[in-house]
Protein backbone atom coordinates (compact mmCIF):
# COMPACT_ATOMS: atom_id res chain seq x y z
CA UNK A 1 4.33 -2.88 -15.63
CA UNK A 2 4.46 -5.24 -12.66
CA UNK A 3 7.17 -4.54 -10.12
CA UNK A 4 8.16 -7.34 -7.77
CA UNK A 5 9.38 -5.73 -4.57
CA UNK A 6 11.76 -7.30 -2.16
CA UNK A 7 11.88 -6.33 1.51
CA UNK A 8 15.06 -4.29 1.11
CA UNK A 9 13.46 -2.06 -1.55
CA UNK A 10 10.37 -1.09 0.46
CA UNK A 11 9.94 2.33 1.99
CA UNK A 12 10.15 2.55 5.79
CA UNK A 13 6.40 2.69 6.41
CA UNK A 14 5.71 -0.49 4.45
CA UNK A 15 8.77 -2.25 5.83
CA UNK A 16 7.72 -1.48 9.42
CA UNK A 17 4.15 -2.57 8.70
CA UNK A 18 5.15 -5.84 7.04
CA UNK A 19 7.75 -6.60 9.72
CA UNK A 20 5.06 -6.12 12.36
CA UNK A 21 2.71 -8.42 10.48
CA UNK A 22 5.44 -11.07 10.09
CA UNK A 23 6.21 -10.99 13.82
CA UNK A 24 2.50 -11.05 14.66
CA UNK A 25 1.97 -14.06 12.38
CA UNK A 26 4.80 -15.84 14.18
CA UNK A 27 3.27 -15.04 17.58
CA UNK A 28 -0.11 -16.35 16.35
CA UNK A 29 1.54 -19.55 15.11
CA UNK A 30 3.24 -20.08 18.47
CA UNK A 31 0.05 -19.30 20.39
CA UNK A 32 -1.78 -21.96 18.36
CA UNK A 33 0.96 -24.47 19.20
CA UNK A 34 0.37 -23.69 22.90
CA UNK A 35 -3.37 -24.35 22.67
CA UNK A 36 -4.61 -20.84 21.92
CA UNK A 37 -5.48 -21.52 18.29
CA UNK A 38 -8.89 -19.86 18.57
CA UNK A 39 -7.31 -16.45 19.16
CA UNK A 40 -7.41 -13.93 16.37
CA UNK A 41 -5.26 -10.85 16.05
CA UNK A 42 -8.33 -8.60 16.22
CA UNK A 43 -9.38 -10.13 19.56
CA UNK A 44 -6.62 -8.05 21.09
CA UNK A 45 -8.48 -4.87 20.17
CA UNK A 46 -11.19 -5.75 22.72
CA UNK A 47 -8.99 -7.64 25.18
CA UNK A 48 -6.59 -4.70 25.63
CA UNK A 49 -9.44 -2.48 26.87
CA UNK A 50 -10.98 -5.05 29.21
CA UNK A 51 -7.53 -5.99 30.54
CA UNK A 52 -7.05 -2.44 31.82
CA UNK A 53 -10.27 -2.69 33.89
CA UNK A 54 -13.73 -4.22 33.59
CA UNK A 55 -16.03 -1.97 31.58
CA UNK A 56 -19.49 -1.81 30.05
CA UNK A 57 -20.21 -2.41 26.39
CA UNK A 58 -21.03 1.31 26.04
CA UNK A 59 -17.64 2.27 27.47
CA UNK A 60 -15.93 -0.31 25.27
CA UNK A 61 -17.65 1.09 22.17
CA UNK A 62 -16.56 4.61 23.09
CA UNK A 63 -12.94 3.55 23.69
CA UNK A 64 -12.85 1.61 20.42
CA UNK A 65 -14.53 4.39 18.45
CA UNK A 66 -17.29 2.11 17.17
CA UNK A 67 -21.05 1.85 17.59
CA UNK A 68 -22.49 0.01 20.55
CA UNK A 69 -23.89 -2.53 18.09
CA UNK A 70 -20.41 -3.25 16.69
CA UNK A 71 -18.96 -3.59 20.19
CA UNK A 72 -21.83 -5.90 21.21
CA UNK A 73 -21.15 -8.14 18.22
CA UNK A 74 -17.45 -8.41 19.08
CA UNK A 75 -18.27 -9.10 22.74
CA UNK A 76 -20.78 -11.82 21.84
CA UNK A 77 -18.15 -13.54 19.71
CA UNK A 78 -15.53 -13.38 22.48
CA UNK A 79 -18.07 -14.64 25.02
CA UNK A 80 -18.99 -17.56 22.76
CA UNK A 81 -15.31 -18.49 22.48
CA UNK A 82 -14.79 -18.33 26.25
CA UNK A 83 -12.64 -15.20 26.40
CA UNK A 84 -15.07 -12.73 27.99
CA UNK A 85 -17.77 -12.94 30.62
CA UNK A 86 -20.33 -10.42 31.87
CA UNK A 87 -21.02 -9.69 35.53
CA UNK A 88 -23.26 -7.13 37.24
CA UNK A 89 -21.69 -3.76 37.99
CA UNK A 90 -21.49 -3.48 41.80
CA UNK A 91 -22.37 0.22 41.52
CA UNK A 92 -25.32 -0.18 39.12
CA UNK A 93 -27.15 -3.50 38.90
CA UNK A 94 -28.67 -2.46 35.54
CA UNK A 95 -25.22 -2.47 33.94
CA UNK A 96 -23.12 -5.50 33.11
CA UNK A 97 -19.34 -5.22 33.14
CA UNK A 98 -17.08 -7.18 30.84
CA UNK A 99 -14.33 -9.28 32.43
CA UNK A 100 -11.64 -11.45 30.90
CA UNK A 101 -11.96 -15.16 31.62
CA UNK A 102 -9.09 -17.20 33.07
CA UNK A 103 -8.48 -18.54 29.55
CA UNK A 104 -8.15 -15.00 28.18
CA UNK A 105 -5.79 -14.00 30.99
CA UNK A 106 -3.69 -17.10 30.27
CA UNK A 107 -3.62 -16.08 26.60
CA UNK A 108 -2.45 -12.58 27.53
CA UNK A 109 0.38 -14.04 29.64
CA UNK A 110 1.33 -16.49 26.89
CA UNK A 111 1.38 -13.67 24.34
CA UNK A 112 3.60 -11.53 26.56
CA UNK A 113 6.00 -14.42 27.06
CA UNK A 114 6.09 -15.16 23.33
CA UNK A 115 6.74 -11.51 22.47
CA UNK A 116 9.62 -11.46 24.96
CA UNK A 117 11.02 -14.68 23.49
CA UNK A 118 10.76 -13.28 19.96
CA UNK A 119 12.57 -10.13 21.10
CA UNK A 120 15.35 -12.23 22.63
CA UNK A 121 15.66 -14.25 19.40
CA UNK A 122 15.99 -11.07 17.36
CA UNK A 123 18.60 -9.71 19.76
CA UNK A 124 20.54 -12.98 19.43
CA UNK A 125 20.38 -12.81 15.65
CA UNK A 126 20.88 -9.09 15.01
CA UNK A 127 22.42 -7.77 18.22
CA UNK A 128 21.06 -5.56 20.97
CA UNK A 129 22.33 -2.37 19.34
CA UNK A 130 20.35 -2.98 16.13
CA UNK A 131 17.19 -3.97 17.98
CA UNK A 132 17.39 -1.05 20.41
CA UNK A 133 18.15 1.34 17.54
CA UNK A 134 15.16 0.02 15.59
CA UNK A 135 12.91 0.46 18.61
CA UNK A 136 14.20 4.00 19.11
CA UNK A 137 13.61 4.83 15.46
CA UNK A 138 10.07 3.45 15.43
CA UNK A 139 9.21 5.13 18.76
CA UNK A 140 10.48 8.39 17.27
CA UNK A 141 8.29 7.95 14.20
CA UNK A 142 5.28 7.27 16.44
CA UNK A 143 6.00 10.45 18.40
CA UNK A 144 6.71 12.53 15.30
CA UNK A 145 3.28 11.78 13.85
CA UNK A 146 1.42 12.35 17.11
CA UNK A 147 0.45 8.75 17.82
CA UNK A 148 2.06 8.48 21.27
CA UNK A 149 -1.15 9.24 23.15
CA UNK A 150 -3.05 6.65 21.13
CA UNK A 151 -0.47 4.03 22.10
CA UNK A 152 -0.47 5.06 25.78
CA UNK A 153 -4.28 5.09 25.93
CA UNK A 154 -4.75 1.83 24.00
CA UNK A 155 -6.61 3.63 21.22
CA UNK A 156 -4.47 2.75 18.22
CA UNK A 157 -6.56 2.25 15.09
CA UNK A 158 -5.60 1.46 11.53
CA UNK A 159 -5.57 4.44 9.17
CA UNK A 160 -8.82 5.32 7.43
């Protein structure tokens, strides 16, 4: 038997997931319209760590919970697309540190502005009380299931 769900019949976990995806798709669409069409959602996984501070590929792999080979592959792709660059570590010339390029920093700023604009649009449509209540609920769910540290430390990963 095939069941055709509608958004209002989904359980909370799926509704939150799909709402996040829908908002992320809208941000991606708007980023492309602003000239950042080469960005992919998964680029943010690397960018968020390098944004905090320049780091080595080994440190990036550890923070992401992946092998150094997997981190190197992601870095090479981001370098090729002009989002990352490597520079010698001032404290150890044998090590290269990853840095965001000006283009990547501009993309981060554009993304932040678009997320703020999307938030304002939702407040205009649904009201501040609903949006703030939704944020409170979802923050509570994150805390209840012990994911607060992962959010704070930029180590959020999809479930296994």
